[in-house]
Amino acid sequence: MSFSRKELVASYVAKVGSGSMDYSQIAAELKAKGIDPEESTVLLRCIDRDLLRMAEMEKRRQSGKTMLWVGLGITLIGVTYTLLSYLRVYETGGSYLLFYGPILAGIGIAVLGKMRMG
């Protein structure tokens, strides 16, 4: 029987990912298609590997999203305090504070988060 390992793995990863099929059903279906047990084991390992990679990528994307929002929040705090300081310049004798630390750190964290998201 002619089959493409890549196509089979991709289709079963989609089915397992959607929850419509589990590993025992895949093994039974592969056996019904006439695929030998050794190749079936290799396919199941490939499917498992791809599913783990997808889960890891999703986890990494979520942590990147969190980092992005935290970075933007820290940047917003720095900009807000800088603007408040600038608005009070007349009361403090003509000087104000530039909160560049939180602004730059927040931008850096946001950029790292965006990079993690891919």
Protein backbone atom coordinates (compact mmCIF):
# COMPACT_ATOMS: atom_id res chain seq x y z
CA MET A 1 0.00 0.00 0.00
CA SER A 2 1.35 3.40 -0.96
CA PHE A 3 1.17 6.19 1.59
CA SER A 4 3.07 9.29 2.51
CA ARG A 5 4.29 9.31 6.10
CA LYS A 6 4.20 13.11 6.22
CA GLU A 7 0.59 13.27 5.01
CA LEU A 8 -0.55 10.55 7.40
CA VAL A 9 1.15 12.22 10.37
CA ALA A 10 -0.33 15.61 9.48
CA SER A 11 -3.85 14.25 9.14
CA TYR A 12 -3.69 12.29 12.39
CA VAL A 13 -2.16 15.23 14.27
CA ALA A 14 -5.12 17.34 13.14
CA LYS A 15 -7.58 14.65 14.23
CA VAL A 16 -5.97 14.14 17.65
CA GLY A 17 -5.58 17.88 18.12
CA SER A 18 -9.28 18.43 17.50
CA GLY A 19 -10.16 15.65 19.94
CA SER A 20 -11.98 13.49 17.41
CA MET A 21 -9.48 10.61 17.67
CA ASP A 22 -7.08 9.08 20.20
CA TYR A 23 -3.97 6.93 19.88
CA SER A 24 -5.74 3.58 20.14
CA GLN A 25 -8.10 4.54 17.34
CA ILE A 26 -5.14 5.63 15.21
CA ALA A 27 -3.37 2.33 15.83
CA ALA A 28 -6.51 0.38 14.88
CA GLU A 29 -6.99 2.46 11.75
CA LEU A 30 -3.38 2.01 10.69
CA LYS A 31 -3.71 -1.73 11.18
CA ALA A 32 -6.89 -1.73 9.11
CA LYS A 33 -5.04 0.09 6.32
CA GLY A 34 -2.52 -2.73 6.23
CA ILE A 35 0.42 -0.79 7.62
CA ASP A 36 2.91 -3.07 9.38
CA PRO A 37 3.32 -2.71 13.18
CA GLU A 38 6.84 -1.29 12.98
CA GLU A 39 5.79 1.49 10.62
CA SER A 40 2.72 2.04 12.76
CA THR A 41 4.94 2.54 15.82
CA VAL A 42 7.09 5.02 13.91
CA LEU A 43 4.00 6.91 12.80
CA LEU A 44 2.60 7.04 16.34
CA ARG A 45 5.93 8.41 17.60
CA CYS A 46 5.93 11.06 14.87
CA ILE A 47 2.36 12.02 15.73
CA ASP A 48 3.23 12.26 19.41
CA ARG A 49 6.33 14.34 18.65
CA ASP A 50 4.34 16.77 16.50
CA LEU A 51 1.61 17.10 19.12
CA LEU A 52 4.20 17.85 21.81
CA ARG A 53 5.81 20.45 19.57
CA MET A 54 2.46 22.09 18.94
CA ALA A 55 1.70 22.20 22.66
CA GLU A 56 5.12 23.68 23.40
CA MET A 57 4.71 26.30 20.68
CA GLU A 58 1.31 27.29 22.05
CA LYS A 59 2.73 27.55 25.56
CA ARG A 60 5.58 29.70 24.28
CA ARG A 61 3.17 31.90 22.34
CA GLN A 62 1.02 32.42 25.42
CA SER A 63 4.04 33.35 27.57
CA GLY A 64 5.14 35.77 24.83
CA LYS A 65 1.71 37.36 24.84
CA THR A 66 1.91 37.80 28.61
CA MET A 67 5.38 39.32 28.33
CA LEU A 68 4.13 41.71 25.66
CA TRP A 69 1.31 42.99 27.86
CA VAL A 70 3.54 43.27 30.95
CA GLY A 71 6.10 45.23 28.93
CA LEU A 72 3.48 47.58 27.58
CA GLY A 73 2.11 48.09 31.08
CA ILE A 74 5.53 48.95 32.51
CA THR A 75 6.14 51.34 29.60
CA LEU A 76 2.78 52.98 30.22
CA ILE A 77 3.64 53.45 33.90
CA GLY A 78 6.96 55.10 32.99
CA VAL A 79 5.33 57.39 30.44
CA THR A 80 2.53 58.29 32.86
CA TYR A 81 4.93 59.23 35.66
CA THR A 82 7.06 61.23 33.23
CA LEU A 83 4.02 63.15 32.00
CA LEU A 84 2.79 63.78 35.54
CA SER A 85 6.23 65.06 36.48
CA TYR A 86 6.29 67.29 33.41
CA LEU A 87 2.84 68.70 34.19
CA ARG A 88 4.05 69.67 37.68
CA VAL A 89 7.11 71.48 36.28
CA TYR A 90 5.80 74.89 37.37
CA GLU A 91 5.41 73.78 40.98
CA THR A 92 8.87 72.20 41.22
CA GLY A 93 10.84 75.15 39.95
CA GLY A 94 11.33 74.22 36.33
CA SER A 95 12.61 70.64 36.58
CA TYR A 96 10.96 67.34 35.93
CA LEU A 97 11.88 63.67 36.08
CA LEU A 98 12.24 61.44 33.06
CA PHE A 99 11.41 57.88 34.04
CA TYR A 100 13.45 56.29 31.29
CA GLY A 101 14.20 53.10 33.25
CA PRO A 102 10.65 51.73 33.23
CA ILE A 103 10.10 53.02 29.70
CA LEU A 104 13.15 51.25 28.26
CA ALA A 105 12.69 48.11 30.35
CA GLY A 106 9.04 47.89 29.34
CA ILE A 107 9.89 48.30 25.67
CA GLY A 108 12.57 45.61 26.00
CA ILE A 109 10.17 43.17 27.68
CA ALA A 110 7.49 43.89 25.09
CA VAL A 111 9.93 43.27 22.23
CA LEU A 112 11.07 39.99 23.79
CA GLY A 113 7.43 38.97 24.21
CA LYS A 114 6.70 39.78 20.58
CA MET A 115 9.72 37.73 19.49
CA ARG A 116 8.52 34.80 21.58
CA MET A 117 5.12 34.93 19.96
CA GLY A 118 6.79 34.29 16.62
